């Protein structure tokens, strides 16, 4: 008995809908990965420029704004020295531009600080970020989903059981719902 021969039209349409949604999910993951790479690499580029500025001018920190509420003026950086130091740390961490989302994830904390998603570290010692790093988890999920979908497209997953499809659908529904809210 072949399972696909016994499926009713509704089930077949539902499976096709899941497959289309999954393809959209993978495409969104690809777009998110591309944006992550662009943001991390642009931050690294700023850090490289700041390292050159720092090497050229001993008092380079005077070129930074005292805080983000101060209006930038010609010849001044558009951000405070704490941000400049974060950009430099990013450039030091990534000697070359990130080529994959996995490379970019290692620098995600600095990027999130620079974009105001995380507070700047205060005090001495290793700082703890939020208990849950949602962006890193989402990127990992997207990358795993993309790999699984690519395996499916290449035929490396010959047939999924009903339980496996139901598990996938259960995992995708909240992600698709969030994606649709962002739309």
N, C-alpha and C. Protein backbone atom coordinates (compact mmCIF):
# COMPACT_ATOMS: atom_id res chain seq x y z
N UNK A 1 0.85 -1.18 0.00
CA UNK A 1 0.00 0.00 0.00
C UNK A 1 0.90 1.24 0.00
N UNK A 2 0.68 2.14 -0.92
CA UNK A 2 1.44 3.36 -1.05
C UNK A 2 0.66 4.48 -0.39
N UNK A 3 1.29 5.16 0.56
CA UNK A 3 0.61 6.20 1.32
C UNK A 3 0.09 7.31 0.41
N UNK A 4 0.88 7.73 -0.56
CA UNK A 4 0.46 8.84 -1.40
C UNK A 4 -0.74 8.49 -2.27
N UNK A 5 -0.95 7.23 -2.58
CA UNK A 5 -2.11 6.83 -3.36
C UNK A 5 -3.39 6.90 -2.54
N UNK A 6 -3.28 6.79 -1.23
CA UNK A 6 -4.44 6.76 -0.36
C UNK A 6 -4.81 8.13 0.21
N UNK A 7 -4.08 9.17 -0.12
CA UNK A 7 -4.36 10.49 0.43
C UNK A 7 -5.56 11.12 -0.26
N UNK A 8 -6.40 11.78 0.53
CA UNK A 8 -7.52 12.49 -0.06
C UNK A 8 -7.04 13.84 -0.59
N UNK A 9 -7.86 14.48 -1.38
CA UNK A 9 -7.48 15.75 -2.02
C UNK A 9 -7.12 16.82 -1.00
N UNK A 10 -7.86 16.91 0.09
CA UNK A 10 -7.57 17.90 1.12
C UNK A 10 -6.16 17.69 1.68
N UNK A 11 -5.80 16.45 1.97
CA UNK A 11 -4.48 16.16 2.53
C UNK A 11 -3.39 16.52 1.53
N UNK A 12 -3.60 16.19 0.27
CA UNK A 12 -2.62 16.51 -0.77
C UNK A 12 -2.45 18.02 -0.86
N UNK A 13 -3.56 18.76 -0.86
CA UNK A 13 -3.48 20.22 -0.93
C UNK A 13 -2.79 20.78 0.31
N UNK A 14 -3.08 20.19 1.46
CA UNK A 14 -2.43 20.64 2.69
C UNK A 14 -0.93 20.41 2.63
N UNK A 15 -0.52 19.25 2.15
CA UNK A 15 0.92 18.96 2.01
C UNK A 15 1.56 19.95 1.04
N UNK A 16 0.89 20.24 -0.06
CA UNK A 16 1.42 21.20 -1.02
C UNK A 16 1.51 22.60 -0.40
N UNK A 17 0.49 22.96 0.39
CA UNK A 17 0.52 24.25 1.08
C UNK A 17 1.70 24.31 2.04
N UNK A 18 1.93 23.25 2.78
CA UNK A 18 3.07 23.19 3.69
C UNK A 18 4.37 23.34 2.90
N UNK A 19 4.47 22.65 1.77
CA UNK A 19 5.69 22.73 0.97
C UNK A 19 5.91 24.15 0.43
N UNK A 20 4.83 24.81 -0.02
CA UNK A 20 4.97 26.20 -0.48
C UNK A 20 5.37 27.11 0.68
N UNK A 21 4.74 26.91 1.83
CA UNK A 21 5.08 27.72 3.00
C UNK A 21 6.53 27.48 3.41
N UNK A 22 6.94 26.24 3.32
CA UNK A 22 8.33 25.91 3.67
C UNK A 22 9.30 26.56 2.70
N UNK A 23 8.96 26.58 1.41
CA UNK A 23 9.82 27.24 0.43
C UNK A 23 9.89 28.74 0.73
N UNK A 24 8.76 29.37 1.10
CA UNK A 24 8.75 30.78 1.50
C UNK A 24 9.61 30.99 2.74
N UNK A 25 9.51 30.06 3.68
CA UNK A 25 10.29 30.11 4.91
C UNK A 25 11.79 30.08 4.59
N UNK A 26 12.19 29.19 3.69
CA UNK A 26 13.60 29.08 3.31
C UNK A 26 14.05 30.36 2.60
N UNK A 27 13.20 30.89 1.73
CA UNK A 27 13.55 32.14 1.04
C UNK A 27 13.71 33.28 2.05
N UNK A 28 12.84 33.35 3.04
CA UNK A 28 12.96 34.38 4.08
C UNK A 28 14.25 34.17 4.86
N UNK A 29 14.60 32.92 5.12
CA UNK A 29 15.86 32.63 5.80
C UNK A 29 17.06 33.07 4.99
N UNK A 30 17.00 32.83 3.68
CA UNK A 30 18.08 33.28 2.81
C UNK A 30 18.21 34.80 2.85
N UNK A 31 17.06 35.48 2.81
CA UNK A 31 17.07 36.95 2.86
C UNK A 31 17.61 37.43 4.20
N UNK A 32 17.21 36.78 5.29
CA UNK A 32 17.70 37.17 6.62
C UNK A 32 19.21 36.94 6.71
N UNK A 33 19.68 35.83 6.17
CA UNK A 33 21.12 35.54 6.19
C UNK A 33 21.89 36.60 5.40
N UNK A 34 21.34 36.99 4.24
CA UNK A 34 22.00 38.00 3.42
C UNK A 34 22.05 39.34 4.15
N UNK A 35 20.94 39.71 4.81
CA UNK A 35 20.93 40.97 5.56
C UNK A 35 21.90 40.92 6.74
N UNK A 36 21.94 39.78 7.42
CA UNK A 36 22.87 39.62 8.54
C UNK A 36 24.31 39.79 8.06
N UNK A 37 24.65 39.17 6.95
CA UNK A 37 26.00 39.33 6.40
C UNK A 37 26.30 40.78 6.06
N UNK A 38 25.34 41.45 5.43
CA UNK A 38 25.55 42.85 5.04
C UNK A 38 25.77 43.74 6.26
N UNK A 39 24.98 43.54 7.31
CA UNK A 39 25.11 44.37 8.52
C UNK A 39 26.44 44.11 9.21
N UNK A 40 26.78 42.85 9.39
CA UNK A 40 28.03 42.51 10.08
C UNK A 40 29.23 43.03 9.28
N UNK A 41 29.21 42.83 7.97
CA UNK A 41 30.35 43.26 7.16
C UNK A 41 30.47 44.77 7.08
N UNK A 42 29.34 45.49 7.09
CA UNK A 42 29.40 46.95 7.10
C UNK A 42 29.96 47.44 8.44
N UNK A 43 29.54 46.81 9.55
CA UNK A 43 30.09 47.16 10.85
C UNK A 43 31.58 46.88 10.92
N UNK A 44 32.03 45.75 10.35
CA UNK A 44 33.45 45.42 10.31
C UNK A 44 34.21 46.48 9.51
N UNK A 45 33.64 46.90 8.38
CA UNK A 45 34.28 47.92 7.54
C UNK A 45 34.47 49.23 8.32
N UNK A 46 33.44 49.63 9.07
CA UNK A 46 33.56 50.84 9.90
C UNK A 46 34.68 50.66 10.91
N UNK A 47 34.75 49.47 11.52
CA UNK A 47 35.80 49.19 12.49
C UNK A 47 37.19 49.27 11.89
N UNK A 48 37.35 48.78 10.67
CA UNK A 48 38.65 48.85 9.98
C UNK A 48 39.04 50.31 9.78
N UNK A 49 38.09 51.15 9.33
CA UNK A 49 38.37 52.57 9.14
C UNK A 49 38.72 53.23 10.47
N UNK A 50 38.01 52.87 11.53
CA UNK A 50 38.30 53.46 12.84
C UNK A 50 39.68 53.04 13.35
N UNK A 51 40.08 51.81 13.08
CA UNK A 51 41.42 51.38 13.47
C UNK A 51 42.48 52.23 12.78
N UNK A 52 42.26 52.56 11.52
CA UNK A 52 43.19 53.43 10.78
C UNK A 52 43.21 54.82 11.39
N UNK A 53 42.02 55.33 11.73
CA UNK A 53 41.91 56.64 12.36
C UNK A 53 42.63 56.65 13.71
N UNK A 54 42.45 55.60 14.46
CA UNK A 54 43.09 55.47 15.78
C UNK A 54 44.61 55.43 15.64
N UNK A 55 45.10 54.72 14.62
CA UNK A 55 46.55 54.63 14.40
C UNK A 55 47.13 55.97 13.98
N UNK A 56 46.35 56.76 13.28
CA UNK A 56 46.84 58.04 12.75
C UNK A 56 46.77 59.18 13.78
N UNK A 57 45.75 59.14 14.64
CA UNK A 57 45.54 60.23 15.60
C UNK A 57 45.47 59.69 17.01
N UNK A 58 46.40 60.11 17.86
CA UNK A 58 46.42 59.63 19.25
C UNK A 58 45.17 60.06 20.01
N UNK A 59 44.65 61.21 19.72
CA UNK A 59 43.47 61.73 20.43
C UNK A 59 42.20 61.46 19.61
N UNK A 60 42.14 60.36 18.94
CA UNK A 60 41.02 60.03 18.04
C UNK A 60 39.68 60.03 18.76
N UNK A 61 39.67 59.70 20.06
CA UNK A 61 38.41 59.62 20.80
C UNK A 61 37.71 60.98 20.87
N UNK A 62 38.47 62.07 20.73
CA UNK A 62 37.87 63.40 20.75
C UNK A 62 37.01 63.67 19.52
N UNK A 63 37.16 62.82 18.50
CA UNK A 63 36.37 62.97 17.28
C UNK A 63 34.97 62.37 17.43
N UNK A 64 34.76 61.61 18.50
CA UNK A 64 33.47 60.95 18.72
C UNK A 64 32.52 61.90 19.46
N UNK A 65 31.24 61.67 19.30
CA UNK A 65 30.23 62.45 20.02
C UNK A 65 30.23 62.05 21.49
N UNK A 66 29.86 62.96 22.38
CA UNK A 66 29.78 62.59 23.80
C UNK A 66 28.65 61.59 24.07
N UNK A 67 27.58 61.64 23.28
CA UNK A 67 26.46 60.70 23.43
C UNK A 67 25.63 60.72 22.15
N UNK A 68 24.65 59.85 22.07
CA UNK A 68 23.84 59.75 20.85
C UNK A 68 22.86 60.90 20.68
N UNK A 69 22.61 61.66 21.74
CA UNK A 69 21.65 62.76 21.62
C UNK A 69 22.31 64.02 21.06
N UNK A 70 23.62 64.05 21.01
CA UNK A 70 24.34 65.19 20.47
C UNK A 70 24.28 65.15 18.95
N UNK A 71 23.98 66.30 18.35
CA UNK A 71 23.90 66.36 16.89
C UNK A 71 25.32 66.32 16.30
N UNK A 72 25.54 65.42 15.30
CA UNK A 72 26.86 65.36 14.68
C UNK A 72 27.22 66.66 13.96
N UNK A 73 28.48 66.98 13.95
CA UNK A 73 28.98 68.15 13.25
C UNK A 73 30.06 67.69 12.28
N UNK A 74 30.37 68.50 11.26
CA UNK A 74 31.41 68.10 10.31
C UNK A 74 32.73 67.83 11.02
N UNK A 75 33.39 66.77 10.61
CA UNK A 75 34.66 66.40 11.21
C UNK A 75 34.53 65.56 12.47
N UNK A 76 33.29 65.28 12.89
CA UNK A 76 33.05 64.44 14.07
C UNK A 76 32.38 63.14 13.64
N UNK A 77 32.64 62.11 14.40
CA UNK A 77 31.95 60.84 14.16
C UNK A 77 30.48 61.00 14.53
N UNK A 78 29.63 60.21 13.95
CA UNK A 78 28.18 60.32 14.17
C UNK A 78 27.72 59.48 15.36
N UNK A 79 28.66 59.02 16.18
CA UNK A 79 28.33 58.14 17.31
C UNK A 79 29.38 58.32 18.40
N UNK A 80 29.06 57.88 19.63
CA UNK A 80 29.99 58.04 20.75
C UNK A 80 31.17 57.06 20.67
N UNK A 81 32.17 57.32 21.49
CA UNK A 81 33.39 56.51 21.50
C UNK A 81 33.10 55.06 21.89
N UNK A 82 32.10 54.83 22.73
CA UNK A 82 31.77 53.46 23.11
C UNK A 82 31.36 52.65 21.88
N UNK A 83 30.61 53.29 20.96
CA UNK A 83 30.24 52.61 19.71
C UNK A 83 31.47 52.39 18.85
N UNK A 84 32.33 53.39 18.79
CA UNK A 84 33.56 53.26 18.00
C UNK A 84 34.38 52.07 18.48
N UNK A 85 34.48 51.91 19.78
CA UNK A 85 35.24 50.77 20.33
C UNK A 85 34.57 49.44 19.97
N UNK A 86 33.24 49.42 19.94
CA UNK A 86 32.54 48.20 19.54
C UNK A 86 32.80 47.88 18.07
N UNK A 87 32.80 48.90 17.22
CA UNK A 87 33.13 48.68 15.81
C UNK A 87 34.55 48.12 15.66
N UNK A 88 35.47 48.67 16.44
CA UNK A 88 36.86 48.19 16.39
C UNK A 88 36.94 46.75 16.85
N UNK A 89 36.22 46.40 17.93
CA UNK A 89 36.20 45.00 18.39
C UNK A 89 35.66 44.08 17.30
N UNK A 90 34.65 44.54 16.61
CA UNK A 90 34.08 43.76 15.52
C UNK A 90 35.12 43.52 14.42
N UNK A 91 35.85 44.56 14.05
CA UNK A 91 36.89 44.43 13.02
C UNK A 91 38.02 43.52 13.49
N UNK A 92 38.34 43.58 14.78
CA UNK A 92 39.40 42.70 15.30
C UNK A 92 38.95 41.26 15.36
N UNK A 93 37.68 41.03 15.62
CA UNK A 93 37.15 39.67 15.67
C UNK A 93 37.09 39.06 14.27
N UNK A 94 36.67 39.87 13.31
CA UNK A 94 36.56 39.39 11.93
C UNK A 94 37.71 39.99 11.11
N UNK A 95 38.77 39.24 10.96
CA UNK A 95 39.94 39.73 10.21
C UNK A 95 39.59 39.93 8.74
N UNK A 96 38.69 39.10 8.22
CA UNK A 96 38.21 39.19 6.84
C UNK A 96 36.69 39.34 6.89
N UNK A 97 36.08 39.86 5.82
CA UNK A 97 34.62 39.94 5.81
C UNK A 97 33.99 38.56 5.99
N UNK A 98 32.90 38.52 6.71
CA UNK A 98 32.16 37.26 6.91
C UNK A 98 31.63 36.81 5.55
N UNK A 99 31.73 35.50 5.31
CA UNK A 99 31.26 34.95 4.03
C UNK A 99 29.97 34.15 4.20
N UNK A 100 29.70 33.70 5.42
CA UNK A 100 28.49 32.92 5.67
C UNK A 100 27.78 33.49 6.89
N UNK A 101 26.51 33.14 7.02
CA UNK A 101 25.75 33.57 8.19
C UNK A 101 26.39 33.01 9.46
N UNK A 102 26.94 31.81 9.38
CA UNK A 102 27.59 31.22 10.55
C UNK A 102 28.78 32.07 10.99
N UNK A 103 29.54 32.61 10.03
CA UNK A 103 30.65 33.51 10.37
C UNK A 103 30.11 34.77 11.04
N UNK A 104 29.00 35.29 10.52
CA UNK A 104 28.44 36.54 11.03
C UNK A 104 27.86 36.37 12.43
N UNK A 105 27.31 35.20 12.71
CA UNK A 105 26.69 34.98 14.02
C UNK A 105 27.69 35.17 15.15
N UNK A 106 28.93 34.81 14.92
CA UNK A 106 29.93 34.96 15.98
C UNK A 106 30.10 36.42 16.39
N UNK A 107 29.73 37.34 15.54
CA UNK A 107 29.87 38.77 15.83
C UNK A 107 28.54 39.45 16.10
N UNK A 108 27.50 38.67 16.23
CA UNK A 108 26.17 39.22 16.38
C UNK A 108 26.00 40.07 17.64
N UNK A 109 26.66 39.71 18.72
CA UNK A 109 26.53 40.47 19.96
C UNK A 109 26.99 41.92 19.76
N UNK A 110 28.14 42.10 19.12
CA UNK A 110 28.64 43.47 18.88
C UNK A 110 27.67 44.25 18.00
N UNK A 111 27.14 43.60 16.98
CA UNK A 111 26.20 44.26 16.08
C UNK A 111 24.94 44.67 16.84
N UNK A 112 24.44 43.77 17.68
CA UNK A 112 23.22 44.08 18.44
C UNK A 112 23.46 45.23 19.41
N UNK A 113 24.64 45.32 19.99
CA UNK A 113 24.98 46.45 20.86
C UNK A 113 24.98 47.73 20.04
N UNK A 114 25.60 47.68 18.85
CA UNK A 114 25.70 48.87 18.01
C UNK A 114 24.34 49.34 17.49
N UNK A 115 23.41 48.42 17.34
CA UNK A 115 22.08 48.80 16.86
C UNK A 115 21.11 49.08 17.99
N UNK A 116 21.61 49.05 19.23
CA UNK A 116 20.77 49.37 20.37
C UNK A 116 19.87 48.23 20.83
N UNK A 117 20.08 47.03 20.31
CA UNK A 117 19.28 45.88 20.71
C UNK A 117 19.74 45.33 22.07
N UNK A 118 21.00 45.54 22.40
CA UNK A 118 21.56 45.14 23.69
C UNK A 118 22.21 46.35 24.32
N UNK A 119 22.22 46.39 25.65
CA UNK A 119 22.88 47.48 26.34
C UNK A 119 24.38 47.36 26.19
N UNK A 120 25.04 48.52 26.20
CA UNK A 120 26.49 48.52 26.19
C UNK A 120 26.99 47.86 27.46
N UNK A 121 28.07 47.08 27.37
CA UNK A 121 28.62 46.47 28.59
C UNK A 121 29.05 47.55 29.58
N UNK A 122 28.81 47.30 30.84
CA UNK A 122 29.20 48.22 31.91
C UNK A 122 30.13 47.49 32.86
N UNK A 123 31.07 48.18 33.43
CA UNK A 123 31.95 47.58 34.43
C UNK A 123 33.03 46.71 33.82
N UNK A 124 33.57 45.83 34.65
CA UNK A 124 34.69 44.99 34.23
C UNK A 124 34.24 43.56 34.08
N UNK A 125 35.01 42.81 33.35
CA UNK A 125 34.74 41.39 33.21
C UNK A 125 33.74 41.09 32.11
N UNK A 126 33.56 39.82 31.91
CA UNK A 126 32.65 39.36 30.85
C UNK A 126 31.22 39.78 31.20
N UNK A 127 30.55 40.35 30.23
CA UNK A 127 29.19 40.80 30.43
C UNK A 127 28.21 39.74 29.95
N UNK A 128 27.10 39.65 30.63
CA UNK A 128 26.06 38.71 30.25
C UNK A 128 25.02 39.43 29.42
N UNK A 129 24.68 38.87 28.27
CA UNK A 129 23.61 39.46 27.49
C UNK A 129 22.30 38.83 27.95
N UNK A 130 21.22 39.19 27.32
CA UNK A 130 19.92 38.66 27.70
C UNK A 130 19.95 37.14 27.77
N UNK A 131 19.10 36.58 28.66
CA UNK A 131 19.06 35.14 28.83
C UNK A 131 18.82 34.40 27.52
N UNK A 132 17.98 34.95 26.66
CA UNK A 132 17.67 34.29 25.41
C UNK A 132 18.12 35.17 24.26
N UNK A 133 19.00 34.64 23.43
CA UNK A 133 19.46 35.36 22.26
C UNK A 133 18.57 34.92 21.10
N UNK A 134 17.42 35.58 20.95
CA UNK A 134 16.41 35.17 19.98
C UNK A 134 16.92 35.23 18.55
N UNK A 135 17.70 36.26 18.23
CA UNK A 135 18.17 36.40 16.85
C UNK A 135 19.08 35.24 16.48
N UNK A 136 20.02 34.89 17.35
CA UNK A 136 20.92 33.76 17.07
C UNK A 136 20.13 32.48 16.92
N UNK A 137 19.15 32.28 17.79
CA UNK A 137 18.35 31.06 17.70
C UNK A 137 17.56 31.02 16.40
N UNK A 138 17.01 32.15 16.00
CA UNK A 138 16.25 32.21 14.75
C UNK A 138 17.16 31.92 13.56
N UNK A 139 18.34 32.51 13.55
CA UNK A 139 19.27 32.27 12.44
C UNK A 139 19.65 30.80 12.38
N UNK A 140 19.89 30.17 13.53
CA UNK A 140 20.21 28.73 13.55
C UNK A 140 19.05 27.92 12.99
N UNK A 141 17.83 28.25 13.41
CA UNK A 141 16.65 27.54 12.93
C UNK A 141 16.52 27.70 11.41
N UNK A 142 16.71 28.93 10.94
CA UNK A 142 16.60 29.18 9.50
C UNK A 142 17.65 28.41 8.71
N UNK A 143 18.87 28.39 9.23
CA UNK A 143 19.95 27.67 8.53
C UNK A 143 19.67 26.17 8.51
N UNK A 144 19.21 25.62 9.63
CA UNK A 144 18.88 24.19 9.67
C UNK A 144 17.71 23.87 8.75
N UNK A 145 16.72 24.75 8.73
CA UNK A 145 15.57 24.53 7.86
C UNK A 145 16.00 24.57 6.40
N UNK A 146 16.87 25.51 6.07
CA UNK A 146 17.35 25.62 4.69
C UNK A 146 18.11 24.35 4.30
N UNK A 147 18.96 23.85 5.18
CA UNK A 147 19.71 22.62 4.89
C UNK A 147 18.77 21.44 4.70
N UNK A 148 17.77 21.33 5.56
CA UNK A 148 16.81 20.23 5.45
C UNK A 148 16.02 20.33 4.16
N UNK A 149 15.57 21.54 3.81
CA UNK A 149 14.82 21.71 2.58
C UNK A 149 15.67 21.40 1.36
N UNK A 150 16.93 21.81 1.38
CA UNK A 150 17.83 21.50 0.27
C UNK A 150 18.03 19.99 0.14
N UNK A 151 18.14 19.29 1.26
CA UNK A 151 18.23 17.82 1.22
C UNK A 151 16.97 17.23 0.61
N UNK A 152 15.82 17.79 1.00
CA UNK A 152 14.55 17.32 0.46
C UNK A 152 14.51 17.52 -1.05
N UNK A 153 14.94 18.71 -1.52
CA UNK A 153 14.93 19.00 -2.95
C UNK A 153 15.88 18.08 -3.72
N UNK A 154 17.01 17.75 -3.12
CA UNK A 154 17.98 16.86 -3.77
C UNK A 154 17.58 15.40 -3.70
N UNK A 155 16.49 15.12 -3.01
CA UNK A 155 16.02 13.74 -2.91
C UNK A 155 16.76 12.92 -1.87
N UNK A 156 17.49 13.58 -0.99
CA UNK A 156 18.23 12.87 0.04
C UNK A 156 17.31 12.40 1.17
N UNK A 157 16.10 12.92 1.19
CA UNK A 157 15.10 12.46 2.15
C UNK A 157 14.01 11.81 1.29
N UNK A 158 14.12 10.51 1.03
CA UNK A 158 13.24 9.87 0.05
C UNK A 158 11.76 9.94 0.39
N UNK A 159 11.39 9.79 1.62
CA UNK A 159 9.97 9.85 1.97
C UNK A 159 9.83 10.12 3.45
N UNK A 160 8.98 11.03 3.76
CA UNK A 160 8.76 11.33 5.17
C UNK A 160 7.49 10.64 5.62
N UNK A 161 7.51 10.14 6.82
CA UNK A 161 6.31 9.53 7.38
C UNK A 161 5.30 10.63 7.72
N UNK A 162 4.07 10.24 7.94
CA UNK A 162 3.05 11.20 8.32
C UNK A 162 3.45 11.90 9.61
N UNK A 163 4.01 11.15 10.55
CA UNK A 163 4.45 11.75 11.81
C UNK A 163 5.53 12.80 11.57
N UNK A 164 6.46 12.50 10.67
CA UNK A 164 7.54 13.44 10.36
C UNK A 164 6.97 14.72 9.73
N UNK A 165 6.03 14.57 8.80
CA UNK A 165 5.40 15.74 8.19
C UNK A 165 4.63 16.55 9.23
N UNK A 166 3.90 15.85 10.11
CA UNK A 166 3.14 16.54 11.16
C UNK A 166 4.08 17.28 12.11
N UNK A 167 5.22 16.66 12.44
CA UNK A 167 6.21 17.32 13.29
C UNK A 167 6.74 18.58 12.62
N UNK A 168 7.06 18.47 11.34
CA UNK A 168 7.56 19.63 10.60
C UNK A 168 6.51 20.73 10.56
N UNK A 169 5.27 20.37 10.27
CA UNK A 169 4.19 21.36 10.22
C UNK A 169 4.05 22.04 11.58
N UNK A 170 4.11 21.27 12.66
CA UNK A 170 3.98 21.84 14.01
C UNK A 170 5.12 22.80 14.31
N UNK A 171 6.31 22.49 13.81
CA UNK A 171 7.45 23.37 14.04
C UNK A 171 7.37 24.63 13.18
N UNK A 172 6.83 24.51 11.97
CA UNK A 172 6.78 25.64 11.06
C UNK A 172 5.64 26.61 11.35
N UNK A 173 4.53 26.13 11.89
CA UNK A 173 3.37 26.99 12.09
C UNK A 173 3.68 28.24 12.90
N UNK A 174 4.34 28.14 14.05
CA UNK A 174 4.60 29.40 14.78
C UNK A 174 5.59 30.31 14.05
N UNK A 175 6.53 29.72 13.33
CA UNK A 175 7.51 30.53 12.59
C UNK A 175 6.82 31.24 11.45
N UNK A 176 5.98 30.54 10.72
CA UNK A 176 5.25 31.14 9.61
C UNK A 176 4.32 32.23 10.15
N UNK A 177 3.69 31.99 11.29
CA UNK A 177 2.79 32.99 11.88
C UNK A 177 3.57 34.28 12.21
N UNK A 178 4.75 34.12 12.79
CA UNK A 178 5.59 35.29 13.11
C UNK A 178 6.03 35.98 11.82
N UNK A 179 6.45 35.19 10.84
CA UNK A 179 6.87 35.76 9.56
C UNK A 179 5.73 36.56 8.94
N UNK A 180 4.53 36.02 8.96
CA UNK A 180 3.38 36.72 8.39
C UNK A 180 3.09 38.01 9.14
N UNK A 181 3.30 38.03 10.45
CA UNK A 181 3.10 39.26 11.23
C UNK A 181 4.10 40.33 10.83
N UNK A 182 5.32 39.91 10.47
CA UNK A 182 6.36 40.87 10.06
C UNK A 182 6.09 41.47 8.69
N UNK A 183 5.34 40.71 7.86
CA UNK A 183 5.10 41.02 6.47
C UNK A 183 4.71 42.40 6.17
